[in-house]
Structures are given as structure tokens and as C-alpha cells.
Amino acid sequence: MKPIRWGIIATGSIAHKLASDIALVPDAELTAVGSRQLETAETFAAQYGARRSYGSYADVAADPDVDVVYVATPHALHRENVELCLAGGKAVLCEKALALNGNDAEAMATTARAAGLFLMEAMWMRCNPNIRALQTLVDGGAVGEVRQIDANFGFVADKPPEHRLFDPALGASALLDIGIYPLTFAWLLLGAPTHISSSGQLSERGIDLVCESVLSYDDGRVARIACSMIEELSCTATIEASSGRIEFAPRFQEAREFTVTTDAGRSTYSDNIRGRGYVHEIEEVHRCLREGRTESSLVPLDETVALMRLMDTIRAQIGSTLPGDDVV
């Protein structure tokens, strides 16, 4: 089978994680890596066996031997970098969150669709086989009707003030960076809420450091989500249903296993999560490209855009703003 050839834009920690998992996929080949500094790209390429290294992102987008580009830059650069790759005729996997806001996300989706090119947000949790098993279990009525979801993700970001996690110009936001996990988890099982109520804590520069939201539904269901970059949270997820309870252990977003408790007893579900967990999204990209698809059914673009708009609402409620929020 002809390999699918990957390019990577940017060489931060998340790029290292994806590159290490690309090596675990038999029909994947890391062809090119681009950085703002050629020396950095060369070091990265040597570590992961990429055949080419570039001192610019544009060179990766223009490389005729690259089939798909992984965009691993900060949030604020996603739209620019994705559109650069699409203009180069490349399929794109873009790190989550897809964009700074819903308007940017919709514009990116429109550009990809007009070009007939593949675009997917790298929400790797949605490709996890245990998350897919969870959806099948819940859809099949194994625990009855889902009534309440509680999920959180929090850590102490021990980084200098100029780090991307705290720089508004780079799209700093606890919600965009980690809150997207509990929010997506709730969306997968409950869909779009009818009411949202949020509170949070902002930095001196106006970014959200802490965010807590209650998502309510007309039928009485509710999801409570929380994220923080200044406090360690349990990083767990719990689903309360009419006939049972489902629990994910800490670092729920990795979904290594989950436990189901019903009147019939207690069962643990697990699958072999390969590598760092990114293998499954790489394989989903490959499946889509080999089948000629321009969008993933596991990470649909319309849902990605809708979730971005939901995060717009949450940030507005807590007063967190980012450059370009008001630009259509």
C-alpha cells in the first residue's frame, strides 16, 4: 500500500507527540517538517526520520511530496496556516481548537469545502475506540437515559508570562486549550444545549484561566464542565443515567478505560489505545483520504464549528476576549 505522506508545521510539544505516533502507523510516512528556524526543523526531522526540513511553513505547504499537513501552531495562527496549506492543495489536520472563534472556524470550513480538500480538527478523543464504544453503549440504552454529566480538566500551568498559554495574541484560553475536552465529551452524549450559564476567572491580560459552565437542556438533562490552568482538578468524567452510572478515571480525555455500574453489576471497558493516543486520529485521516472523503464522520466539520460557537458564548459570558473575536 502506498504510504500517506505527512508534513508537520511547527515543532512544539504536541508536534512531537503526533510525530511519535505517526511512526506507529504502518502506512504513514513523515516526509517534511517546517519551523520558523531551519535548525529547529532539522533537529526535529532527525529525531523522527522526516526526509525534509524547512525553515518556513510555506515550504511544507508547497512540497509536492506531502499529502497531508498537521498544523501544530498556536490557536491564533491556525486559520492563516490552514488556509496556506489548503492553497497548496494539501489535506489538513489542524490541532484543536480549530480556530480562535466560530467565525474563523466557519471560514476555514468554507475554504476547504470550496477547494474540495480534507480538513479535520485534531480532536483525537473523538477517534478513541473507547469513546466510540461509550457512544455505542449509551445509544444502545445500556444505562438508560443520560441525565447528568460532570467532567473537568485542570492543571497548574507553571509557565512564564510570555508562554503561549498566557499570551492573548497567540490565542491563550483555558477553554480553548483544555476546556474543549469536557465540552466535547458532553456534546458527544447530549448534543447542543438549550441554555448555558458560565463563570470564570480572568488573568490581568483578560484571558480565561478558569471556566465553569452548566449546560442545560429542555428535557431536564444537564452537563457541568470545568477547566483551569491555575488549579489541579480531578480530570475525571462521570455520567449519571436512569439505569446506571459510567465513570472515567483521571485524564479522562485519554479514555484508557471506563467503568459501567448498573443493577446487574459493575463492568470495565477498555481497548488497546496505541501510542500516545494519536494513532487513532491518524488512522481516521488515512481512512478518509483513501476513501476520497473531505470530512470525517468522527469529527464532523459542522460540529467543530458549532462547538467553536458554543465556546464563543462561554467566553463572552465570562468576559474573555481574543483578537479577532468581532471580525467576521
C-alpha atoms as a PDB file:
ATOM      1  CA  MET A   1       0.000   0.000   0.000  1.00  0.00           C
ATOM      2  CA  LYS A   2       1.319   3.420  -0.948  1.00  0.00           C
ATOM      3  CA  PRO A   3       2.108   5.404   2.220  1.00  0.00           C
ATOM      4  CA  ILE A   4       0.327   8.607   3.100  1.00  0.00           C
ATOM      5  CA  ARG A   5       2.975  11.286   3.392  1.00  0.00           C
ATOM      6  CA  TRP A   6       2.774  13.738   6.264  1.00  0.00           C
ATOM      7  CA  GLY A   7       4.114  17.212   6.753  1.00  0.00           C
ATOM      8  CA  ILE A   8       4.179  18.954  10.126  1.00  0.00           C
ATOM      9  CA  ILE A   9       4.055  22.710  10.660  1.00  0.00           C
ATOM     10  CA  ALA A  10       5.635  23.853  13.962  1.00  0.00           C
ATOM     11  CA  THR A  11       7.742  21.794  16.332  1.00  0.00           C
ATOM     12  CA  GLY A  12       6.245  22.298  19.804  1.00  0.00           C
ATOM     13  CA  SER A  13       5.376  19.561  22.287  1.00  0.00           C
ATOM     14  CA  ILE A  14       2.160  18.477  20.560  1.00  0.00           C
ATOM     15  CA  ALA A  15       4.026  18.089  17.258  1.00  0.00           C
ATOM     16  CA  HIS A  16       6.472  15.735  18.975  1.00  0.00           C
ATOM     17  CA  LYS A  17       3.589  13.626  20.280  1.00  0.00           C
ATOM     18  CA  LEU A  18       1.954  13.285  16.877  1.00  0.00           C
ATOM     19  CA  ALA A  19       5.261  12.567  15.149  1.00  0.00           C
ATOM     20  CA  SER A  20       5.996   9.738  17.570  1.00  0.00           C
ATOM     21  CA  ASP A  21       2.602   8.182  16.806  1.00  0.00           C
ATOM     22  CA  ILE A  22       2.988   8.625  13.035  1.00  0.00           C
ATOM     23  CA  ALA A  23       5.892   6.187  13.367  1.00  0.00           C
ATOM     24  CA  LEU A  24       3.468   3.571  14.746  1.00  0.00           C
ATOM     25  CA  VAL A  25       1.139   3.657  11.722  1.00  0.00           C
ATOM     26  CA  PRO A  26       2.448   1.303   9.005  1.00  0.00           C
ATOM     27  CA  ASP A  27       1.121   3.271   6.031  1.00  0.00           C
ATOM     28  CA  ALA A  28       2.210   6.680   7.369  1.00  0.00           C
ATOM     29  CA  GLU A  29       5.413   8.444   6.426  1.00  0.00           C
ATOM     30  CA  LEU A  30       6.722  11.668   7.926  1.00  0.00           C
ATOM     31  CA  THR A  31       8.053  13.455   4.867  1.00  0.00           C
ATOM     32  CA  ALA A  32       8.591  17.070   5.878  1.00  0.00           C
ATOM     33  CA  VAL A  33       8.679  19.351   8.882  1.00  0.00           C
ATOM     34  CA  GLY A  34       8.669  23.134   8.922  1.00  0.00           C
ATOM     35  CA  SER A  35       9.683  25.575  11.635  1.00  0.00           C
ATOM     36  CA  ARG A  36      10.414  29.290  11.813  1.00  0.00           C
ATOM     37  CA  GLN A  37      14.023  28.289  12.401  1.00  0.00           C
ATOM     38  CA  LEU A  38      15.636  25.828   9.980  1.00  0.00           C
ATOM     39  CA  GLU A  39      17.908  24.421  12.679  1.00  0.00           C
ATOM     40  CA  THR A  40      14.894  23.537  14.822  1.00  0.00           C
ATOM     41  CA  ALA A  41      13.238  21.798  11.873  1.00  0.00           C
ATOM     42  CA  GLU A  42      16.420  19.870  11.134  1.00  0.00           C
ATOM     43  CA  THR A  43      16.687  18.647  14.724  1.00  0.00           C
ATOM     44  CA  PHE A  44      13.035  17.578  14.720  1.00  0.00           C
ATOM     45  CA  ALA A  45      13.396  15.843  11.349  1.00  0.00           C
ATOM     46  CA  ALA A  46      16.446  13.928  12.533  1.00  0.00           C
ATOM     47  CA  GLN A  47      14.639  12.772  15.664  1.00  0.00           C
ATOM     48  CA  TYR A  48      11.596  11.412  13.823  1.00  0.00           C
ATOM     49  CA  GLY A  49      13.059  10.436  10.475  1.00  0.00           C
ATOM     50  CA  ALA A  50      11.480  13.121   8.303  1.00  0.00           C
ATOM     51  CA  ARG A  51      13.135  13.271   4.890  1.00  0.00           C
ATOM     52  CA  ARG A  52      12.971  17.059   4.561  1.00  0.00           C
ATOM     53  CA  SER A  53      13.206  20.021   6.874  1.00  0.00           C
ATOM     54  CA  TYR A  54      12.276  23.602   6.079  1.00  0.00           C
ATOM     55  CA  GLY A  55      12.802  26.978   7.697  1.00  0.00           C
ATOM     56  CA  SER A  56       9.290  28.105   6.778  1.00  0.00           C
ATOM     57  CA  TYR A  57       5.739  26.808   6.897  1.00  0.00           C
ATOM     58  CA  ALA A  58       5.128  27.799   3.278  1.00  0.00           C
ATOM     59  CA  ASP A  59       7.724  25.321   2.057  1.00  0.00           C
ATOM     60  CA  VAL A  60       5.867  22.443   3.714  1.00  0.00           C
ATOM     61  CA  ALA A  61       2.590  23.597   2.158  1.00  0.00           C
ATOM     62  CA  ALA A  62       4.269  23.715  -1.262  1.00  0.00           C
ATOM     63  CA  ASP A  63       6.113  20.384  -1.038  1.00  0.00           C
ATOM     64  CA  PRO A  64       4.718  18.182  -3.856  1.00  0.00           C
ATOM     65  CA  ASP A  65       5.540  15.016  -1.907  1.00  0.00           C
ATOM     66  CA  VAL A  66       3.338  15.895   1.075  1.00  0.00           C
ATOM     67  CA  ASP A  67      -0.244  14.578   1.090  1.00  0.00           C
ATOM     68  CA  VAL A  68      -1.491  15.943   4.411  1.00  0.00           C
ATOM     69  CA  VAL A  69      -0.196  18.603   6.784  1.00  0.00           C
ATOM     70  CA  TYR A  70      -0.591  18.632  10.552  1.00  0.00           C
ATOM     71  CA  VAL A  71      -0.853  22.221  11.772  1.00  0.00           C
ATOM     72  CA  ALA A  72       0.599  22.385  15.288  1.00  0.00           C
ATOM     73  CA  THR A  73       0.910  26.141  15.739  1.00  0.00           C
ATOM     74  CA  PRO A  74      -0.858  28.186  18.484  1.00  0.00           C
ATOM     75  CA  HIS A  75      -4.579  28.865  18.098  1.00  0.00           C
ATOM     76  CA  ALA A  76      -4.138  32.376  16.748  1.00  0.00           C
ATOM     77  CA  LEU A  77      -2.195  31.088  13.748  1.00  0.00           C
ATOM     78  CA  HIS A  78      -4.480  28.211  12.826  1.00  0.00           C
ATOM     79  CA  ARG A  79      -6.616  29.971  10.239  1.00  0.00           C
ATOM     80  CA  GLU A  80      -3.629  31.518   8.462  1.00  0.00           C
ATOM     81  CA  ASN A  81      -1.676  28.260   8.454  1.00  0.00           C
ATOM     82  CA  VAL A  82      -4.607  26.057   7.450  1.00  0.00           C
ATOM     83  CA  GLU A  83      -5.505  28.347   4.557  1.00  0.00           C
ATOM     84  CA  LEU A  84      -1.840  28.350   3.493  1.00  0.00           C
ATOM     85  CA  CYS A  85      -1.875  24.556   3.316  1.00  0.00           C
ATOM     86  CA  LEU A  86      -5.227  24.426   1.542  1.00  0.00           C
ATOM     87  CA  ALA A  87      -3.906  26.909  -1.024  1.00  0.00           C
ATOM     88  CA  GLY A  88      -1.054  24.458  -1.571  1.00  0.00           C
ATOM     89  CA  GLY A  89      -3.553  21.715  -2.337  1.00  0.00           C
ATOM     90  CA  LYS A  90      -2.942  19.823   0.888  1.00  0.00           C
ATOM     91  CA  ALA A  91      -5.294  17.914   3.146  1.00  0.00           C
ATOM     92  CA  VAL A  92      -5.101  19.320   6.680  1.00  0.00           C
ATOM     93  CA  LEU A  93      -5.303  18.009  10.226  1.00  0.00           C
ATOM     94  CA  CYS A  94      -5.354  21.083  12.485  1.00  0.00           C
ATOM     95  CA  GLU A  95      -4.649  20.997  16.195  1.00  0.00           C
ATOM     96  CA  LYS A  96      -7.610  21.752  18.428  1.00  0.00           C
ATOM     97  CA  ALA A  97      -9.167  24.168  18.930  1.00  0.00           C
ATOM     98  CA  LEU A  98      -9.591  24.573  15.194  1.00  0.00           C
ATOM     99  CA  ALA A  99      -9.645  28.358  15.423  1.00  0.00           C
ATOM    100  CA  LEU A 100      -9.908  31.325  17.756  1.00  0.00           C
ATOM    101  CA  ASN A 101     -13.659  31.598  17.281  1.00  0.00           C
ATOM    102  CA  GLY A 102     -16.655  30.352  15.369  1.00  0.00           C
ATOM    103  CA  ASN A 103     -16.339  32.856  12.537  1.00  0.00           C
ATOM    104  CA  ASP A 104     -12.789  31.756  11.791  1.00  0.00           C
ATOM    105  CA  ALA A 105     -13.749  28.090  12.027  1.00  0.00           C
ATOM    106  CA  GLU A 106     -16.642  28.548   9.613  1.00  0.00           C
ATOM    107  CA  ALA A 107     -14.427  30.451   7.175  1.00  0.00           C
ATOM    108  CA  MET A 108     -11.847  27.663   7.274  1.00  0.00           C
ATOM    109  CA  ALA A 109     -14.509  25.028   6.658  1.00  0.00           C
ATOM    110  CA  THR A 110     -15.888  27.060   3.752  1.00  0.00           C
ATOM    111  CA  THR A 111     -12.432  27.386   2.195  1.00  0.00           C
ATOM    112  CA  ALA A 112     -11.749  23.657   2.491  1.00  0.00           C
ATOM    113  CA  ARG A 113     -15.120  22.738   1.016  1.00  0.00           C
ATOM    114  CA  ALA A 114     -14.727  25.165  -1.876  1.00  0.00           C
ATOM    115  CA  ALA A 115     -11.346  23.625  -2.659  1.00  0.00           C
ATOM    116  CA  GLY A 116     -12.646  20.073  -2.274  1.00  0.00           C
ATOM    117  CA  LEU A 117      -9.910  19.351   0.274  1.00  0.00           C
ATOM    118  CA  PHE A 118      -9.915  17.423   3.537  1.00  0.00           C
ATOM    119  CA  LEU A 119      -9.966  19.367   6.805  1.00  0.00           C
ATOM    120  CA  MET A 120     -10.325  17.928  10.294  1.00  0.00           C
ATOM    121  CA  GLU A 121      -9.798  19.279  13.781  1.00  0.00           C
ATOM    122  CA  ALA A 122      -7.344  17.137  15.736  1.00  0.00           C
ATOM    123  CA  MET A 123      -9.845  16.288  18.457  1.00  0.00           C
ATOM    124  CA  TRP A 124      -8.172  12.921  18.974  1.00  0.00           C
ATOM    125  CA  MET A 125     -10.525  11.998  21.831  1.00  0.00           C
ATOM    126  CA  ARG A 126     -13.369  11.572  19.345  1.00  0.00           C
ATOM    127  CA  CYS A 127     -11.351   8.945  17.448  1.00  0.00           C
ATOM    128  CA  ASN A 128     -10.525   6.952  20.586  1.00  0.00           C
ATOM    129  CA  PRO A 129     -12.020   3.425  20.349  1.00  0.00           C
ATOM    130  CA  ASN A 130     -13.191   3.577  23.966  1.00  0.00           C
ATOM    131  CA  ILE A 131     -15.081   6.810  23.327  1.00  0.00           C
ATOM    132  CA  ARG A 132     -16.677   5.202  20.298  1.00  0.00           C
ATOM    133  CA  ALA A 133     -17.575   2.164  22.428  1.00  0.00           C
ATOM    134  CA  LEU A 134     -19.087   4.513  25.017  1.00  0.00           C
ATOM    135  CA  GLN A 135     -21.303   6.129  22.401  1.00  0.00           C
ATOM    136  CA  THR A 136     -22.467   2.724  21.166  1.00  0.00           C
ATOM    137  CA  LEU A 137     -23.192   1.620  24.730  1.00  0.00           C
ATOM    138  CA  VAL A 138     -25.178   4.742  25.570  1.00  0.00           C
ATOM    139  CA  ASP A 139     -27.038   4.778  22.246  1.00  0.00           C
ATOM    140  CA  GLY A 140     -27.986   1.143  22.855  1.00  0.00           C
ATOM    141  CA  GLY A 141     -29.651   2.019  26.157  1.00  0.00           C
ATOM    142  CA  ALA A 142     -27.281   0.041  28.369  1.00  0.00           C
ATOM    143  CA  VAL A 143     -27.577   2.589  31.192  1.00  0.00           C
ATOM    144  CA  GLY A 144     -30.926   4.085  30.265  1.00  0.00           C
ATOM    145  CA  GLU A 145     -31.296   7.800  29.587  1.00  0.00           C
ATOM    146  CA  VAL A 146     -28.327  10.030  30.321  1.00  0.00           C
ATOM    147  CA  ARG A 147     -29.408  12.614  32.882  1.00  0.00           C
ATOM    148  CA  GLN A 148     -26.243  14.344  34.038  1.00  0.00           C
ATOM    149  CA  ILE A 149     -22.598  14.660  33.002  1.00  0.00           C
ATOM    150  CA  ASP A 150     -19.772  16.032  35.113  1.00  0.00           C
ATOM    151  CA  ALA A 151     -16.355  16.470  33.506  1.00  0.00           C
ATOM    152  CA  ASN A 152     -13.334  18.604  34.254  1.00  0.00           C
ATOM    153  CA  PHE A 153      -9.734  19.181  33.240  1.00  0.00           C
ATOM    154  CA  GLY A 154      -7.338  21.301  35.256  1.00  0.00           C
ATOM    155  CA  PHE A 155      -3.636  21.704  35.915  1.00  0.00           C
ATOM    156  CA  VAL A 156      -1.220  24.334  37.155  1.00  0.00           C
ATOM    157  CA  ALA A 157       0.438  25.897  34.127  1.00  0.00           C
ATOM    158  CA  ASP A 158       3.876  26.654  35.506  1.00  0.00           C
ATOM    159  CA  LYS A 159       4.987  28.728  32.545  1.00  0.00           C
ATOM    160  CA  PRO A 160       6.438  32.234  32.122  1.00  0.00           C
ATOM    161  CA  PRO A 161       4.045  35.098  31.250  1.00  0.00           C
ATOM    162  CA  GLU A 162       5.206  35.162  27.621  1.00  0.00           C
ATOM    163  CA  HIS A 163       4.286  31.500  27.085  1.00  0.00           C
ATOM    164  CA  ARG A 164       1.502  30.837  24.585  1.00  0.00           C
ATOM    165  CA  LEU A 165      -0.782  29.647  27.413  1.00  0.00           C
ATOM    166  CA  PHE A 166      -0.874  33.210  28.762  1.00  0.00           C
ATOM    167  CA  ASP A 167      -0.455  35.332  25.629  1.00  0.00           C
ATOM    168  CA  PRO A 168      -3.740  36.674  24.183  1.00  0.00           C
ATOM    169  CA  ALA A 169      -2.018  37.370  20.865  1.00  0.00           C
ATOM    170  CA  LEU A 170      -1.447  33.625  20.491  1.00  0.00           C
ATOM    171  CA  GLY A 171      -4.993  32.672  21.477  1.00  0.00           C
ATOM    172  CA  ALA A 172      -4.412  31.878  25.140  1.00  0.00           C
ATOM    173  CA  SER A 173      -7.531  30.439  26.774  1.00  0.00           C
ATOM    174  CA  ALA A 174      -8.100  27.634  29.257  1.00  0.00           C
ATOM    175  CA  LEU A 175     -11.365  26.892  27.478  1.00  0.00           C
ATOM    176  CA  LEU A 176      -9.806  26.606  24.015  1.00  0.00           C
ATOM    177  CA  ASP A 177      -6.816  24.649  25.267  1.00  0.00           C
ATOM    178  CA  ILE A 178      -8.307  22.153  27.730  1.00  0.00           C
ATOM    179  CA  GLY A 179     -11.951  23.048  28.373  1.00  0.00           C
ATOM    180  CA  ILE A 180     -12.677  21.813  24.880  1.00  0.00           C
ATOM    181  CA  TYR A 181     -12.266  18.249  26.196  1.00  0.00           C
ATOM    182  CA  PRO A 182     -15.083  18.208  28.787  1.00  0.00           C
ATOM    183  CA  LEU A 183     -17.220  20.330  26.479  1.00  0.00           C
ATOM    184  CA  THR A 184     -16.769  17.885  23.595  1.00  0.00           C
ATOM    185  CA  PHE A 185     -17.398  14.950  25.929  1.00  0.00           C
ATOM    186  CA  ALA A 186     -20.752  16.422  26.959  1.00  0.00           C
ATOM    187  CA  TRP A 187     -21.642  17.292  23.353  1.00  0.00           C
ATOM    188  CA  LEU A 188     -20.978  13.739  22.170  1.00  0.00           C
ATOM    189  CA  LEU A 189     -23.610  12.362  24.538  1.00  0.00           C
ATOM    190  CA  LEU A 190     -26.111  15.207  24.895  1.00  0.00           C
ATOM    191  CA  GLY A 191     -25.719  17.358  21.796  1.00  0.00           C
ATOM    192  CA  ALA A 192     -26.187  21.125  21.698  1.00  0.00           C
ATOM    193  CA  PRO A 193     -27.553  22.653  24.922  1.00  0.00           C
ATOM    194  CA  THR A 194     -30.533  24.986  25.037  1.00  0.00           C
ATOM    195  CA  HIS A 195     -29.094  27.136  27.825  1.00  0.00           C
ATOM    196  CA  ILE A 196     -25.579  27.931  29.045  1.00  0.00           C
ATOM    197  CA  SER A 197     -24.515  29.589  32.277  1.00  0.00           C
ATOM    198  CA  SER A 198     -20.818  30.241  32.852  1.00  0.00           C
ATOM    199  CA  SER A 199     -18.464  31.810  35.347  1.00  0.00           C
ATOM    200  CA  GLY A 200     -14.710  32.117  35.367  1.00  0.00           C
ATOM    201  CA  GLN A 201     -11.526  33.837  36.387  1.00  0.00           C
ATOM    202  CA  LEU A 202      -9.509  36.039  34.053  1.00  0.00           C
ATOM    203  CA  SER A 203      -5.848  36.949  34.009  1.00  0.00           C
ATOM    204  CA  GLU A 204      -4.672  40.561  34.126  1.00  0.00           C
ATOM    205  CA  ARG A 205      -4.411  40.354  30.337  1.00  0.00           C
ATOM    206  CA  GLY A 206      -8.029  39.230  30.006  1.00  0.00           C
ATOM    207  CA  ILE A 207      -7.656  35.542  29.153  1.00  0.00           C
ATOM    208  CA  ASP A 208      -9.738  32.891  30.883  1.00  0.00           C
ATOM    209  CA  LEU A 209      -7.687  30.968  33.443  1.00  0.00           C
ATOM    210  CA  VAL A 210     -10.674  29.184  34.967  1.00  0.00           C
ATOM    211  CA  CYS A 211     -14.034  28.398  33.445  1.00  0.00           C
ATOM    212  CA  GLU A 212     -17.082  26.617  34.840  1.00  0.00           C
ATOM    213  CA  SER A 213     -20.209  26.085  32.763  1.00  0.00           C
ATOM    214  CA  VAL A 214     -23.583  24.477  33.248  1.00  0.00           C
ATOM    215  CA  LEU A 215     -25.155  23.255  30.010  1.00  0.00           C
ATOM    216  CA  SER A 216     -28.904  22.758  30.348  1.00  0.00           C
ATOM    217  CA  TYR A 217     -31.411  21.002  28.108  1.00  0.00           C
ATOM    218  CA  ASP A 218     -35.171  21.424  27.771  1.00  0.00           C
ATOM    219  CA  ASP A 219     -35.814  17.865  28.964  1.00  0.00           C
ATOM    220  CA  GLY A 220     -34.017  18.452  32.257  1.00  0.00           C
ATOM    221  CA  ARG A 221     -30.658  16.934  31.367  1.00  0.00           C
ATOM    222  CA  VAL A 222     -27.584  18.847  32.446  1.00  0.00           C
ATOM    223  CA  ALA A 223     -23.819  18.850  31.960  1.00  0.00           C
ATOM    224  CA  ARG A 224     -21.382  20.540  34.321  1.00  0.00           C
ATOM    225  CA  ILE A 225     -17.941  21.205  32.927  1.00  0.00           C
ATOM    226  CA  ALA A 226     -14.893  22.922  34.352  1.00  0.00           C
ATOM    227  CA  CYS A 227     -11.346  23.745  33.324  1.00  0.00           C
ATOM    228  CA  SER A 228      -8.443  25.516  34.952  1.00  0.00           C
ATOM    229  CA  MET A 229      -4.850  26.458  34.220  1.00  0.00           C
ATOM    230  CA  ILE A 230      -4.154  27.525  37.819  1.00  0.00           C
ATOM    231  CA  GLU A 231      -5.550  24.584  39.819  1.00  0.00           C
ATOM    232  CA  GLU A 232      -5.221  20.827  39.721  1.00  0.00           C
ATOM    233  CA  LEU A 233      -8.645  19.312  39.059  1.00  0.00           C
ATOM    234  CA  SER A 234      -9.573  15.628  39.142  1.00  0.00           C
ATOM    235  CA  CYS A 235      -9.604  15.374  35.320  1.00  0.00           C
ATOM    236  CA  THR A 236     -12.416  12.843  35.531  1.00  0.00           C
ATOM    237  CA  ALA A 237     -15.771  12.384  33.818  1.00  0.00           C
ATOM    238  CA  THR A 238     -18.949  10.878  35.244  1.00  0.00           C
ATOM    239  CA  ILE A 239     -22.204  10.061  33.505  1.00  0.00           C
ATOM    240  CA  GLU A 240     -25.362   9.612  35.578  1.00  0.00           C
ATOM    241  CA  ALA A 241     -28.172   7.816  33.774  1.00  0.00           C
ATOM    242  CA  SER A 242     -31.610   6.489  34.634  1.00  0.00           C
ATOM    243  CA  SER A 243     -30.357   2.904  34.913  1.00  0.00           C
ATOM    244  CA  GLY A 244     -26.690   3.236  35.695  1.00  0.00           C
ATOM    245  CA  ARG A 245     -23.512   5.225  36.086  1.00  0.00           C
ATOM    246  CA  ILE A 246     -20.378   5.480  33.927  1.00  0.00           C
ATOM    247  CA  GLU A 247     -17.038   6.674  35.288  1.00  0.00           C
ATOM    248  CA  PHE A 248     -13.801   7.663  33.583  1.00  0.00           C
ATOM    249  CA  ALA A 249     -10.652   7.750  35.700  1.00  0.00           C
ATOM    250  CA  PRO A 250      -8.282  10.755  35.804  1.00  0.00           C
ATOM    251  CA  ARG A 251      -7.100  12.020  32.438  1.00  0.00           C
ATOM    252  CA  PHE A 252     -10.494  11.054  31.081  1.00  0.00           C
ATOM    253  CA  GLN A 253      -9.650  12.611  27.723  1.00  0.00           C
ATOM    254  CA  GLU A 254      -7.199   9.754  27.102  1.00  0.00           C
ATOM    255  CA  ALA A 255     -10.097   7.310  27.676  1.00  0.00           C
ATOM    256  CA  ARG A 256      -7.885   4.352  28.505  1.00  0.00           C
ATOM    257  CA  GLU A 257     -10.866   2.634  30.132  1.00  0.00           C
ATOM    258  CA  PHE A 258     -14.231   3.320  31.721  1.00  0.00           C
ATOM    259  CA  THR A 259     -16.424   1.572  34.286  1.00  0.00           C
ATOM    260  CA  VAL A 260     -20.156   0.950  33.990  1.00  0.00           C
ATOM    261  CA  THR A 261     -22.276   0.282  37.068  1.00  0.00           C
ATOM    262  CA  THR A 262     -25.881  -0.927  36.787  1.00  0.00           C
ATOM    263  CA  ASP A 263     -28.193  -3.115  38.857  1.00  0.00           C
ATOM    264  CA  ALA A 264     -26.676  -6.069  37.011  1.00  0.00           C
ATOM    265  CA  GLY A 265     -23.208  -5.301  38.381  1.00  0.00           C
ATOM    266  CA  ARG A 266     -20.018  -3.485  37.500  1.00  0.00           C
ATOM    267  CA  SER A 267     -18.075  -3.836  34.243  1.00  0.00           C
ATOM    268  CA  THR A 268     -14.888  -2.255  32.944  1.00  0.00           C
ATOM    269  CA  TYR A 269     -14.451  -1.484  29.266  1.00  0.00           C
ATOM    270  CA  SER A 270     -11.042  -0.964  27.741  1.00  0.00           C
ATOM    271  CA  ASP A 271      -9.351  -1.189  24.381  1.00  0.00           C
ATOM    272  CA  ASN A 272      -5.730  -1.150  23.392  1.00  0.00           C
ATOM    273  CA  ILE A 273      -5.017   2.562  22.990  1.00  0.00           C
ATOM    274  CA  ARG A 274      -1.912   2.630  20.881  1.00  0.00           C
ATOM    275  CA  GLY A 275       0.969   5.015  21.336  1.00  0.00           C
ATOM    276  CA  ARG A 276       0.147   8.303  22.988  1.00  0.00           C
ATOM    277  CA  GLY A 277      -3.444   8.018  21.759  1.00  0.00           C
ATOM    278  CA  TYR A 278      -2.983   9.908  18.483  1.00  0.00           C
ATOM    279  CA  VAL A 279      -2.644   6.778  16.347  1.00  0.00           C
ATOM    280  CA  HIS A 280      -6.415   6.565  16.038  1.00  0.00           C
ATOM    281  CA  GLU A 281      -6.869  10.069  14.632  1.00  0.00           C
ATOM    282  CA  ILE A 282      -4.000   9.443  12.205  1.00  0.00           C
ATOM    283  CA  GLU A 283      -5.782   6.292  11.054  1.00  0.00           C
ATOM    284  CA  GLU A 284      -9.040   8.234  10.707  1.00  0.00           C
ATOM    285  CA  VAL A 285      -7.302  10.772   8.460  1.00  0.00           C
ATOM    286  CA  HIS A 286      -5.899   7.917   6.382  1.00  0.00           C
ATOM    287  CA  ARG A 287      -9.318   6.263   6.111  1.00  0.00           C
ATOM    288  CA  CYS A 288     -10.887   9.479   4.877  1.00  0.00           C
ATOM    289  CA  LEU A 289      -8.142  10.196   2.349  1.00  0.00           C
ATOM    290  CA  ARG A 290      -8.136   6.662   0.946  1.00  0.00           C
ATOM    291  CA  GLU A 291     -11.928   6.757   0.594  1.00  0.00           C
ATOM    292  CA  GLY A 292     -11.844  10.165  -1.076  1.00  0.00           C
ATOM    293  CA  ARG A 293     -13.638  11.905   1.786  1.00  0.00           C
ATOM    294  CA  THR A 294     -13.092  15.578   2.536  1.00  0.00           C
ATOM    295  CA  GLU A 295     -14.638  15.445   6.007  1.00  0.00           C
ATOM    296  CA  SER A 296     -14.535  12.943   8.856  1.00  0.00           C
ATOM    297  CA  SER A 297     -17.696  11.376  10.216  1.00  0.00           C
ATOM    298  CA  LEU A 298     -15.985  11.021  13.616  1.00  0.00           C
ATOM    299  CA  VAL A 299     -15.008  14.701  13.787  1.00  0.00           C
ATOM    300  CA  PRO A 300     -17.573  16.433  11.537  1.00  0.00           C
ATOM    301  CA  LEU A 301     -16.711  19.968  10.488  1.00  0.00           C
ATOM    302  CA  ASP A 302     -20.224  21.221  11.216  1.00  0.00           C
ATOM    303  CA  GLU A 303     -19.926  20.027  14.826  1.00  0.00           C
ATOM    304  CA  THR A 304     -16.450  21.520  15.119  1.00  0.00           C
ATOM    305  CA  VAL A 305     -17.836  24.901  14.028  1.00  0.00           C
ATOM    306  CA  ALA A 306     -20.845  24.571  16.348  1.00  0.00           C
ATOM    307  CA  LEU A 307     -18.584  23.789  19.299  1.00  0.00           C
ATOM    308  CA  MET A 308     -16.411  26.792  18.451  1.00  0.00           C
ATOM    309  CA  ARG A 309     -19.521  28.991  18.547  1.00  0.00           C
ATOM    310  CA  LEU A 310     -20.509  27.427  21.863  1.00  0.00           C
ATOM    311  CA  MET A 311     -17.080  28.351  23.225  1.00  0.00           C
ATOM    312  CA  ASP A 312     -17.601  31.887  21.869  1.00  0.00           C
ATOM    313  CA  THR A 313     -20.739  32.099  24.008  1.00  0.00           C
ATOM    314  CA  ILE A 314     -18.986  30.770  27.098  1.00  0.00           C
ATOM    315  CA  ARG A 315     -16.058  33.166  26.729  1.00  0.00           C
ATOM    316  CA  ALA A 316     -18.447  36.071  26.225  1.00  0.00           C
ATOM    317  CA  GLN A 317     -20.290  35.156  29.418  1.00  0.00           C
ATOM    318  CA  ILE A 318     -17.100  35.304  31.480  1.00  0.00           C
ATOM    319  CA  GLY A 319     -15.649  38.319  29.665  1.00  0.00           C
ATOM    320  CA  SER A 320     -12.762  36.571  27.952  1.00  0.00           C
ATOM    321  CA  THR A 321     -11.878  38.132  24.607  1.00  0.00           C
ATOM    322  CA  LEU A 322      -9.270  37.358  21.979  1.00  0.00           C
ATOM    323  CA  PRO A 323      -8.009  39.287  18.941  1.00  0.00           C
ATOM    324  CA  GLY A 324     -10.399  38.888  16.039  1.00  0.00           C
ATOM    325  CA  ASP A 325     -13.452  37.903  18.092  1.00  0.00           C
ATOM    326  CA  ASP A 326     -15.531  40.635  16.442  1.00  0.00           C
ATOM    327  CA  VAL A 327     -14.175  40.116  12.935  1.00  0.00           C
ATOM    328  CA  VAL A 328     -16.449  38.257  10.528  1.00  0.00           C
END
